[in-house]
Amino acid sequence: MGTFNHLMVGDIIWLQRFAEHPAGEPLQGVRDIKRPAALSQMLHDNLSSLAQQRRQLDVMICEFCKQLTDEDLAHELEYKNTKGVAFSRRFAYLMQHFFNHQTHHRGQLSTLFSQRGVDIGETDLLGVMP
């Protein structure tokens, strides 16, 4: 549950930053989510409530990504990290970081499930691409 929650905490923090992007309209719903106090915060203690919020976040992420343009990706986004230090980064790089973080922790979760004998289905990108 710790890894599931950490992944969600990271997503919420980044999505709230991304909502400040000029193209951030599809992410406005994330502003209503209370900002996590720490990267290790447990937002959910059961898979049912976690899965519900995960689905909501994933819909927002998909809608946001569908409408991004090259100009949006070239935009410099100013934000503060969790310690309050200010940064300005090209948005394309922040998106790469966002998805790399998800890939890393989703891979950890896949391993944990596999070690428990749970069939998680196809994980090879080529296997799920149309």
N, C-alpha and C. Protein backbone atom coordinates (compact mmCIF):
# COMPACT_ATOMS: atom_id res chain seq x y z
N MET A 1 0.83 -1.20 0.00
CA MET A 1 0.00 0.00 0.00
C MET A 1 0.87 1.26 0.00
N GLY A 2 2.05 1.15 0.59
CA GLY A 2 2.94 2.30 0.62
C GLY A 2 3.35 2.75 -0.77
N THR A 3 3.68 1.79 -1.64
CA THR A 3 4.08 2.14 -3.01
C THR A 3 2.90 2.69 -3.80
N PHE A 4 1.73 2.07 -3.65
CA PHE A 4 0.53 2.61 -4.31
C PHE A 4 0.28 4.05 -3.90
N ASN A 5 0.36 4.32 -2.60
CA ASN A 5 0.09 5.66 -2.10
C ASN A 5 1.17 6.65 -2.53
N HIS A 6 2.44 6.24 -2.50
CA HIS A 6 3.51 7.14 -2.93
C HIS A 6 3.33 7.55 -4.39
N LEU A 7 2.97 6.60 -5.22
CA LEU A 7 2.74 6.89 -6.63
C LEU A 7 1.63 7.92 -6.79
N MET A 8 0.56 7.74 -6.03
CA MET A 8 -0.56 8.68 -6.10
C MET A 8 -0.18 10.05 -5.54
N VAL A 9 0.56 10.08 -4.45
CA VAL A 9 1.01 11.35 -3.88
C VAL A 9 1.83 12.12 -4.91
N GLY A 10 2.79 11.43 -5.53
CA GLY A 10 3.61 12.09 -6.56
C GLY A 10 2.77 12.61 -7.71
N ASP A 11 1.81 11.80 -8.15
CA ASP A 11 0.94 12.23 -9.24
C ASP A 11 0.14 13.48 -8.86
N ILE A 12 -0.42 13.49 -7.67
CA ILE A 12 -1.23 14.64 -7.24
C ILE A 12 -0.37 15.89 -7.18
N ILE A 13 0.80 15.78 -6.60
CA ILE A 13 1.69 16.95 -6.49
C ILE A 13 2.03 17.48 -7.88
N TRP A 14 2.43 16.59 -8.80
CA TRP A 14 2.78 17.05 -10.15
C TRP A 14 1.56 17.56 -10.92
N LEU A 15 0.44 16.87 -10.80
CA LEU A 15 -0.75 17.32 -11.52
C LEU A 15 -1.22 18.68 -11.03
N GLN A 16 -1.08 18.95 -9.74
CA GLN A 16 -1.43 20.27 -9.25
C GLN A 16 -0.49 21.34 -9.81
N ARG A 17 0.76 21.01 -9.98
CA ARG A 17 1.69 21.93 -10.64
C ARG A 17 1.31 22.10 -12.11
N PHE A 18 1.02 20.98 -12.77
CA PHE A 18 0.66 21.02 -14.19
C PHE A 18 -0.63 21.80 -14.43
N ALA A 19 -1.51 21.83 -13.46
CA ALA A 19 -2.77 22.58 -13.59
C ALA A 19 -2.50 24.07 -13.74
N GLU A 20 -1.31 24.53 -13.35
CA GLU A 20 -0.94 25.94 -13.50
C GLU A 20 -0.42 26.25 -14.91
N HIS A 21 -0.19 25.24 -15.70
CA HIS A 21 0.25 25.41 -17.09
C HIS A 21 -0.87 26.07 -17.87
N PRO A 22 -0.57 26.91 -18.86
CA PRO A 22 -1.64 27.52 -19.66
C PRO A 22 -2.59 26.50 -20.29
N ALA A 23 -2.13 25.28 -20.53
CA ALA A 23 -2.97 24.23 -21.12
C ALA A 23 -3.59 23.33 -20.05
N GLY A 24 -3.53 23.75 -18.79
CA GLY A 24 -3.93 22.89 -17.69
C GLY A 24 -5.40 22.76 -17.39
N GLU A 25 -6.26 23.27 -18.25
CA GLU A 25 -7.71 23.22 -18.01
C GLU A 25 -8.24 21.81 -17.68
N PRO A 26 -7.81 20.76 -18.39
CA PRO A 26 -8.34 19.42 -18.06
C PRO A 26 -7.95 18.93 -16.66
N LEU A 27 -7.03 19.63 -16.01
CA LEU A 27 -6.57 19.22 -14.69
C LEU A 27 -7.19 20.03 -13.56
N GLN A 28 -8.15 20.87 -13.86
CA GLN A 28 -8.70 21.75 -12.83
C GLN A 28 -9.28 20.97 -11.65
N GLY A 29 -9.80 19.77 -11.88
CA GLY A 29 -10.37 18.97 -10.80
C GLY A 29 -9.34 18.57 -9.75
N VAL A 30 -8.07 18.54 -10.13
CA VAL A 30 -7.03 18.15 -9.18
C VAL A 30 -6.80 19.25 -8.13
N ARG A 31 -7.23 20.45 -8.44
CA ARG A 31 -7.08 21.55 -7.47
C ARG A 31 -7.92 21.32 -6.22
N ASP A 32 -8.99 20.53 -6.36
CA ASP A 32 -9.88 20.26 -5.23
C ASP A 32 -9.33 19.19 -4.30
N ILE A 33 -8.27 18.52 -4.71
CA ILE A 33 -7.67 17.48 -3.88
C ILE A 33 -6.70 18.13 -2.90
N LYS A 34 -6.81 17.77 -1.64
CA LYS A 34 -5.91 18.32 -0.64
C LYS A 34 -4.48 17.92 -0.97
N ARG A 35 -3.59 18.90 -0.98
CA ARG A 35 -2.18 18.64 -1.31
C ARG A 35 -1.57 17.73 -0.25
N PRO A 36 -0.94 16.62 -0.67
CA PRO A 36 -0.30 15.73 0.31
C PRO A 36 0.77 16.46 1.11
N ALA A 37 0.88 16.10 2.37
CA ALA A 37 1.84 16.75 3.27
C ALA A 37 3.24 16.17 3.14
N ALA A 38 3.34 14.93 2.67
CA ALA A 38 4.64 14.26 2.55
C ALA A 38 4.58 13.22 1.46
N LEU A 39 5.73 12.91 0.87
CA LEU A 39 5.78 11.90 -0.19
C LEU A 39 5.43 10.51 0.32
N SER A 40 5.53 10.31 1.61
CA SER A 40 5.22 9.01 2.21
C SER A 40 3.80 8.96 2.80
N GLN A 41 3.01 10.01 2.58
CA GLN A 41 1.67 10.07 3.17
C GLN A 41 0.79 8.93 2.65
N MET A 42 0.06 8.31 3.57
CA MET A 42 -0.89 7.26 3.20
C MET A 42 -2.25 7.93 2.94
N LEU A 43 -2.62 8.05 1.69
CA LEU A 43 -3.89 8.67 1.31
C LEU A 43 -5.05 7.69 1.45
N HIS A 44 -4.75 6.40 1.23
CA HIS A 44 -5.77 5.35 1.26
C HIS A 44 -5.20 4.15 2.00
N ASP A 45 -6.04 3.50 2.77
CA ASP A 45 -5.59 2.30 3.47
C ASP A 45 -6.22 1.03 2.90
N ASN A 46 -6.96 1.18 1.78
CA ASN A 46 -7.53 0.00 1.13
C ASN A 46 -7.51 0.20 -0.38
N LEU A 47 -7.46 -0.92 -1.09
CA LEU A 47 -7.35 -0.86 -2.55
C LEU A 47 -8.59 -0.30 -3.22
N SER A 48 -9.75 -0.49 -2.64
CA SER A 48 -10.99 -0.03 -3.26
C SER A 48 -11.01 1.50 -3.39
N SER A 49 -10.75 2.20 -2.31
CA SER A 49 -10.77 3.67 -2.37
C SER A 49 -9.60 4.20 -3.19
N LEU A 50 -8.46 3.52 -3.09
CA LEU A 50 -7.31 3.93 -3.88
C LEU A 50 -7.59 3.77 -5.37
N ALA A 51 -8.18 2.64 -5.75
CA ALA A 51 -8.49 2.38 -7.16
C ALA A 51 -9.46 3.41 -7.72
N GLN A 52 -10.41 3.83 -6.92
CA GLN A 52 -11.39 4.83 -7.38
C GLN A 52 -10.68 6.14 -7.70
N GLN A 53 -9.82 6.61 -6.80
CA GLN A 53 -9.12 7.86 -7.06
C GLN A 53 -8.10 7.69 -8.19
N ARG A 54 -7.47 6.52 -8.27
CA ARG A 54 -6.51 6.25 -9.35
C ARG A 54 -7.19 6.40 -10.71
N ARG A 55 -8.39 5.83 -10.84
CA ARG A 55 -9.12 5.93 -12.10
C ARG A 55 -9.43 7.40 -12.43
N GLN A 56 -9.84 8.18 -11.44
CA GLN A 56 -10.14 9.59 -11.66
C GLN A 56 -8.89 10.35 -12.14
N LEU A 57 -7.77 10.10 -11.49
CA LEU A 57 -6.54 10.77 -11.88
C LEU A 57 -6.12 10.36 -13.29
N ASP A 58 -6.25 9.06 -13.60
CA ASP A 58 -5.85 8.58 -14.92
C ASP A 58 -6.69 9.19 -16.03
N VAL A 59 -7.98 9.40 -15.78
CA VAL A 59 -8.83 10.07 -16.77
C VAL A 59 -8.34 11.50 -17.00
N MET A 60 -8.04 12.22 -15.92
CA MET A 60 -7.53 13.58 -16.05
C MET A 60 -6.22 13.60 -16.83
N ILE A 61 -5.32 12.68 -16.52
CA ILE A 61 -4.03 12.62 -17.20
C ILE A 61 -4.23 12.39 -18.69
N CYS A 62 -5.08 11.44 -19.04
CA CYS A 62 -5.34 11.14 -20.45
C CYS A 62 -5.92 12.34 -21.18
N GLU A 63 -6.91 12.98 -20.58
CA GLU A 63 -7.54 14.15 -21.21
C GLU A 63 -6.53 15.28 -21.39
N PHE A 64 -5.70 15.48 -20.40
CA PHE A 64 -4.67 16.52 -20.48
C PHE A 64 -3.69 16.23 -21.61
N CYS A 65 -3.19 15.01 -21.66
CA CYS A 65 -2.19 14.64 -22.66
C CYS A 65 -2.74 14.70 -24.08
N LYS A 66 -4.01 14.36 -24.26
CA LYS A 66 -4.62 14.37 -25.59
C LYS A 66 -4.56 15.74 -26.25
N GLN A 67 -4.64 16.79 -25.44
CA GLN A 67 -4.74 18.12 -26.02
C GLN A 67 -3.44 18.91 -26.00
N LEU A 68 -2.35 18.33 -25.49
CA LEU A 68 -1.07 19.04 -25.46
C LEU A 68 -0.51 19.22 -26.87
N THR A 69 0.07 20.39 -27.11
CA THR A 69 0.70 20.69 -28.39
C THR A 69 2.21 20.82 -28.20
N ASP A 70 2.93 20.89 -29.31
CA ASP A 70 4.38 21.11 -29.23
C ASP A 70 4.68 22.42 -28.50
N GLU A 71 3.85 23.42 -28.73
CA GLU A 71 4.03 24.71 -28.06
C GLU A 71 3.86 24.55 -26.55
N ASP A 72 2.86 23.77 -26.14
CA ASP A 72 2.65 23.51 -24.71
C ASP A 72 3.87 22.83 -24.10
N LEU A 73 4.44 21.88 -24.81
CA LEU A 73 5.57 21.13 -24.29
C LEU A 73 6.84 21.98 -24.21
N ALA A 74 6.93 23.01 -25.04
CA ALA A 74 8.09 23.91 -25.03
C ALA A 74 7.99 24.95 -23.92
N HIS A 75 6.81 25.11 -23.36
CA HIS A 75 6.56 26.11 -22.31
C HIS A 75 7.45 25.84 -21.09
N GLU A 76 7.95 26.90 -20.49
CA GLU A 76 8.71 26.80 -19.24
C GLU A 76 7.71 26.90 -18.09
N LEU A 77 7.66 25.88 -17.26
CA LEU A 77 6.75 25.88 -16.12
C LEU A 77 7.53 26.21 -14.86
N GLU A 78 7.05 27.21 -14.14
CA GLU A 78 7.65 27.56 -12.86
C GLU A 78 6.87 26.88 -11.75
N TYR A 79 7.59 26.29 -10.80
CA TYR A 79 6.96 25.57 -9.70
C TYR A 79 7.92 25.53 -8.52
N LYS A 80 7.41 25.12 -7.39
CA LYS A 80 8.24 24.91 -6.20
C LYS A 80 8.20 23.45 -5.83
N ASN A 81 9.34 22.92 -5.42
CA ASN A 81 9.35 21.53 -4.99
C ASN A 81 8.74 21.42 -3.60
N THR A 82 8.71 20.23 -3.05
CA THR A 82 8.05 20.01 -1.75
C THR A 82 8.77 20.73 -0.60
N LYS A 83 10.00 21.18 -0.84
CA LYS A 83 10.75 21.93 0.18
C LYS A 83 10.63 23.43 -0.02
N GLY A 84 9.88 23.84 -1.07
CA GLY A 84 9.67 25.26 -1.32
C GLY A 84 10.71 25.90 -2.22
N VAL A 85 11.61 25.12 -2.80
CA VAL A 85 12.64 25.66 -3.69
C VAL A 85 12.03 25.86 -5.08
N ALA A 86 12.22 27.06 -5.63
CA ALA A 86 11.64 27.41 -6.92
C ALA A 86 12.47 26.85 -8.08
N PHE A 87 11.77 26.40 -9.12
CA PHE A 87 12.38 25.88 -10.33
C PHE A 87 11.61 26.39 -11.54
N SER A 88 12.28 26.37 -12.67
CA SER A 88 11.65 26.64 -13.95
C SER A 88 12.22 25.61 -14.92
N ARG A 89 11.35 24.80 -15.52
CA ARG A 89 11.79 23.73 -16.40
C ARG A 89 10.89 23.67 -17.63
N ARG A 90 11.49 23.23 -18.73
CA ARG A 90 10.71 23.00 -19.95
C ARG A 90 9.68 21.91 -19.64
N PHE A 91 8.44 22.16 -20.03
CA PHE A 91 7.35 21.28 -19.67
C PHE A 91 7.53 19.86 -20.21
N ALA A 92 8.11 19.73 -21.39
CA ALA A 92 8.33 18.39 -21.95
C ALA A 92 9.19 17.55 -21.00
N TYR A 93 10.18 18.15 -20.38
CA TYR A 93 11.06 17.42 -19.46
C TYR A 93 10.30 17.04 -18.19
N LEU A 94 9.43 17.92 -17.74
CA LEU A 94 8.64 17.60 -16.55
C LEU A 94 7.68 16.45 -16.82
N MET A 95 7.11 16.43 -18.02
CA MET A 95 6.23 15.32 -18.38
C MET A 95 7.01 14.02 -18.45
N GLN A 96 8.23 14.07 -18.98
CA GLN A 96 9.07 12.87 -19.01
C GLN A 96 9.33 12.37 -17.59
N HIS A 97 9.64 13.29 -16.70
CA HIS A 97 9.88 12.92 -15.31
C HIS A 97 8.63 12.29 -14.68
N PHE A 98 7.50 12.92 -14.92
CA PHE A 98 6.22 12.45 -14.38
C PHE A 98 5.95 11.00 -14.78
N PHE A 99 6.08 10.70 -16.08
CA PHE A 99 5.80 9.35 -16.55
C PHE A 99 6.91 8.37 -16.17
N ASN A 100 8.14 8.84 -16.09
CA ASN A 100 9.23 7.96 -15.66
C ASN A 100 9.01 7.54 -14.21
N HIS A 101 8.56 8.46 -13.37
CA HIS A 101 8.26 8.14 -11.97
C HIS A 101 7.17 7.09 -11.89
N GLN A 102 6.12 7.26 -12.70
CA GLN A 102 5.04 6.27 -12.72
C GLN A 102 5.55 4.91 -13.18
N THR A 103 6.33 4.90 -14.24
CA THR A 103 6.85 3.64 -14.78
C THR A 103 7.70 2.92 -13.74
N HIS A 104 8.54 3.65 -13.07
CA HIS A 104 9.41 3.06 -12.04
C HIS A 104 8.58 2.36 -10.96
N HIS A 105 7.62 3.08 -10.39
CA HIS A 105 6.86 2.51 -9.28
C HIS A 105 5.82 1.49 -9.73
N ARG A 106 5.27 1.65 -10.92
CA ARG A 106 4.36 0.63 -11.43
C ARG A 106 5.12 -0.67 -11.70
N GLY A 107 6.37 -0.54 -12.11
CA GLY A 107 7.21 -1.73 -12.28
C GLY A 107 7.45 -2.42 -10.95
N GLN A 108 7.68 -1.63 -9.91
CA GLN A 108 7.84 -2.22 -8.58
C GLN A 108 6.58 -2.98 -8.18
N LEU A 109 5.43 -2.38 -8.42
CA LEU A 109 4.17 -3.02 -8.05
C LEU A 109 3.95 -4.30 -8.86
N SER A 110 4.31 -4.27 -10.15
CA SER A 110 4.20 -5.48 -10.97
C SER A 110 5.04 -6.60 -10.38
N THR A 111 6.23 -6.28 -9.95
CA THR A 111 7.12 -7.28 -9.35
C THR A 111 6.52 -7.84 -8.06
N LEU A 112 6.01 -6.95 -7.22
CA LEU A 112 5.43 -7.40 -5.96
C LEU A 112 4.24 -8.34 -6.19
N PHE A 113 3.39 -7.99 -7.14
CA PHE A 113 2.25 -8.86 -7.45
C PHE A 113 2.73 -10.20 -8.02
N SER A 114 3.68 -10.14 -8.94
CA SER A 114 4.20 -11.38 -9.54
C SER A 114 4.80 -12.29 -8.48
N GLN A 115 5.52 -11.70 -7.52
CA GLN A 115 6.11 -12.48 -6.44
C GLN A 115 5.05 -13.15 -5.57
N ARG A 116 3.87 -12.57 -5.54
CA ARG A 116 2.76 -13.15 -4.78
C ARG A 116 1.92 -14.12 -5.61
N GLY A 117 2.33 -14.31 -6.87
CA GLY A 117 1.62 -15.25 -7.73
C GLY A 117 0.39 -14.67 -8.40
N VAL A 118 0.24 -13.35 -8.40
CA VAL A 118 -0.91 -12.69 -9.02
C VAL A 118 -0.60 -12.43 -10.49
N ASP A 119 -1.47 -12.92 -11.38
CA ASP A 119 -1.32 -12.65 -12.81
C ASP A 119 -1.85 -11.25 -13.09
N ILE A 120 -0.96 -10.35 -13.44
CA ILE A 120 -1.37 -8.96 -13.68
C ILE A 120 -1.65 -8.69 -15.15
N GLY A 121 -1.57 -9.72 -15.98
CA GLY A 121 -1.87 -9.55 -17.39
C GLY A 121 -0.68 -9.03 -18.17
N GLU A 122 -0.95 -8.60 -19.37
CA GLU A 122 0.09 -8.12 -20.29
C GLU A 122 0.71 -6.83 -19.77
N THR A 123 2.03 -6.79 -19.71
CA THR A 123 2.73 -5.57 -19.29
C THR A 123 3.68 -5.06 -20.37
N ASP A 124 3.88 -5.84 -21.42
CA ASP A 124 4.76 -5.43 -22.51
C ASP A 124 4.02 -4.40 -23.37
N LEU A 125 4.59 -3.25 -23.56
CA LEU A 125 3.94 -2.17 -24.31
C LEU A 125 3.52 -2.64 -25.71
N LEU A 126 4.34 -3.42 -26.35
CA LEU A 126 3.99 -3.91 -27.69
C LEU A 126 2.75 -4.81 -27.64
N GLY A 127 2.52 -5.45 -26.52
CA GLY A 127 1.37 -6.32 -26.38
C GLY A 127 0.05 -5.59 -26.19
N VAL A 128 0.13 -4.34 -25.78
CA VAL A 128 -1.11 -3.59 -25.53
C VAL A 128 -1.33 -2.46 -26.54
N MET A 129 -0.37 -2.26 -27.44
CA MET A 129 -0.52 -1.22 -28.46
C MET A 129 -1.49 -1.68 -29.54
N PRO A 130 -2.29 -0.77 -30.07
CA PRO A 130 -3.22 -1.13 -31.15
C PRO A 130 -2.47 -1.44 -32.45
